[in-house]
Amino acid sequence: MIDDQTRFRPAPEVKLHVEKISKKLGANFLLYESIIDWFGYDRLYNS
């Protein structure tokens, strides 16, 4: 659902991406803070 190209975008763009997927699939996907934290730490320490 969220590939590397998407997850390294600014937070508002990632949020919009998830909202679009939710609407397209007719489900309510949420981005939990822990997921956003993981993206940030992964980028910080593994780039």
N, C-alpha and C. Protein backbone atom coordinates (compact mmCIF):
# COMPACT_ATOMS: atom_id res chain seq x y z
N MET A 1 0.82 -1.19 0.00
CA MET A 1 0.00 0.00 0.00
C MET A 1 0.87 1.26 0.00
N ILE A 2 1.92 1.26 0.80
CA ILE A 2 2.81 2.42 0.83
C ILE A 2 4.20 1.94 0.44
N ASP A 3 4.61 2.30 -0.74
CA ASP A 3 5.93 1.91 -1.21
C ASP A 3 6.96 2.96 -0.82
N ASP A 4 8.24 2.70 -1.11
CA ASP A 4 9.30 3.64 -0.73
C ASP A 4 9.10 5.02 -1.35
N GLN A 5 8.64 5.06 -2.57
CA GLN A 5 8.44 6.34 -3.25
C GLN A 5 7.39 7.18 -2.51
N THR A 6 6.37 6.53 -2.00
CA THR A 6 5.30 7.25 -1.30
C THR A 6 5.70 7.61 0.12
N ARG A 7 6.28 6.67 0.84
CA ARG A 7 6.54 6.92 2.26
C ARG A 7 7.59 7.99 2.51
N PHE A 8 8.42 8.31 1.52
CA PHE A 8 9.41 9.36 1.69
C PHE A 8 8.90 10.73 1.24
N ARG A 9 7.63 10.83 0.99
CA ARG A 9 7.01 12.11 0.64
C ARG A 9 6.67 12.85 1.93
N PRO A 10 6.39 14.14 1.85
CA PRO A 10 5.96 14.87 3.05
C PRO A 10 4.68 14.26 3.65
N ALA A 11 4.54 14.37 4.95
CA ALA A 11 3.42 13.75 5.67
C ALA A 11 2.04 14.07 5.06
N PRO A 12 1.75 15.33 4.68
CA PRO A 12 0.43 15.60 4.10
C PRO A 12 0.17 14.81 2.81
N GLU A 13 1.23 14.58 2.03
CA GLU A 13 1.07 13.80 0.79
C GLU A 13 0.83 12.33 1.09
N VAL A 14 1.48 11.80 2.11
CA VAL A 14 1.26 10.40 2.50
C VAL A 14 -0.18 10.25 2.99
N LYS A 15 -0.63 11.20 3.79
CA LYS A 15 -2.00 11.17 4.30
C LYS A 15 -3.00 11.19 3.15
N LEU A 16 -2.78 12.04 2.18
CA LEU A 16 -3.67 12.12 1.02
C LEU A 16 -3.66 10.81 0.25
N HIS A 17 -2.50 10.21 0.10
CA HIS A 17 -2.37 8.92 -0.58
C HIS A 17 -3.23 7.86 0.11
N VAL A 18 -3.14 7.78 1.42
CA VAL A 18 -3.90 6.80 2.18
C VAL A 18 -5.40 7.09 2.07
N GLU A 19 -5.78 8.35 2.09
CA GLU A 19 -7.19 8.70 1.93
C GLU A 19 -7.72 8.28 0.56
N LYS A 20 -6.91 8.46 -0.47
CA LYS A 20 -7.32 8.04 -1.82
C LYS A 20 -7.50 6.53 -1.90
N ILE A 21 -6.57 5.80 -1.32
CA ILE A 21 -6.67 4.34 -1.32
C ILE A 21 -7.91 3.90 -0.54
N SER A 22 -8.15 4.53 0.60
CA SER A 22 -9.32 4.19 1.41
C SER A 22 -10.60 4.38 0.60
N LYS A 23 -10.68 5.51 -0.08
CA LYS A 23 -11.88 5.81 -0.88
C LYS A 23 -12.02 4.81 -2.03
N LYS A 24 -10.92 4.52 -2.70
CA LYS A 24 -10.95 3.62 -3.85
C LYS A 24 -11.38 2.21 -3.44
N LEU A 25 -10.91 1.74 -2.28
CA LEU A 25 -11.21 0.39 -1.83
C LEU A 25 -12.46 0.31 -0.95
N GLY A 26 -13.02 1.45 -0.60
CA GLY A 26 -14.22 1.46 0.23
C GLY A 26 -13.97 0.99 1.66
N ALA A 27 -12.76 1.26 2.15
CA ALA A 27 -12.38 0.89 3.52
C ALA A 27 -11.72 2.10 4.17
N ASN A 28 -11.66 2.10 5.46
CA ASN A 28 -11.06 3.22 6.18
C ASN A 28 -9.70 2.81 6.73
N PHE A 29 -8.64 3.14 6.00
CA PHE A 29 -7.29 2.84 6.45
C PHE A 29 -6.77 4.03 7.24
N LEU A 30 -6.09 3.74 8.32
CA LEU A 30 -5.55 4.79 9.19
C LEU A 30 -4.03 4.68 9.27
N LEU A 31 -3.38 5.81 9.36
CA LEU A 31 -1.93 5.83 9.60
C LEU A 31 -1.72 6.09 11.08
N TYR A 32 -1.28 5.08 11.77
CA TYR A 32 -1.02 5.23 13.20
C TYR A 32 0.31 5.96 13.40
N GLU A 33 0.41 6.66 14.50
CA GLU A 33 1.62 7.42 14.79
C GLU A 33 2.85 6.52 14.78
N SER A 34 2.70 5.30 15.27
CA SER A 34 3.85 4.39 15.32
C SER A 34 4.36 4.05 13.92
N ILE A 35 3.48 4.00 12.94
CA ILE A 35 3.90 3.74 11.57
C ILE A 35 4.68 4.93 11.02
N ILE A 36 4.16 6.12 11.26
CA ILE A 36 4.84 7.33 10.81
C ILE A 36 6.21 7.44 11.48
N ASP A 37 6.27 7.12 12.77
CA ASP A 37 7.55 7.13 13.49
C ASP A 37 8.53 6.16 12.85
N TRP A 38 8.06 4.96 12.53
CA TRP A 38 8.92 3.96 11.92
C TRP A 38 9.47 4.45 10.59
N PHE A 39 8.62 5.07 9.76
CA PHE A 39 9.08 5.62 8.49
C PHE A 39 10.21 6.62 8.73
N GLY A 40 10.02 7.50 9.70
CA GLY A 40 11.02 8.53 9.97
C GLY A 40 12.33 7.95 10.47
N TYR A 41 12.26 7.04 11.45
CA TYR A 41 13.48 6.43 11.97
C TYR A 41 14.18 5.59 10.92
N ASP A 42 13.40 4.88 10.10
CA ASP A 42 14.00 4.09 9.02
C ASP A 42 14.77 4.99 8.07
N ARG A 43 14.18 6.11 7.72
CA ARG A 43 14.85 7.04 6.81
C ARG A 43 16.08 7.66 7.47
N LEU A 44 15.95 8.00 8.74
CA LEU A 44 17.05 8.64 9.45
C LEU A 44 18.26 7.71 9.58
N TYR A 45 18.03 6.46 9.93
CA TYR A 45 19.14 5.56 10.22
C TYR A 45 19.54 4.65 9.07
N ASN A 46 18.71 4.53 8.03
CA ASN A 46 19.01 3.59 6.96
C ASN A 46 19.12 4.23 5.59
N SER A 47 19.30 5.52 5.56
CA SER A 47 19.42 6.21 4.25
C SER A 47 20.85 6.28 3.80
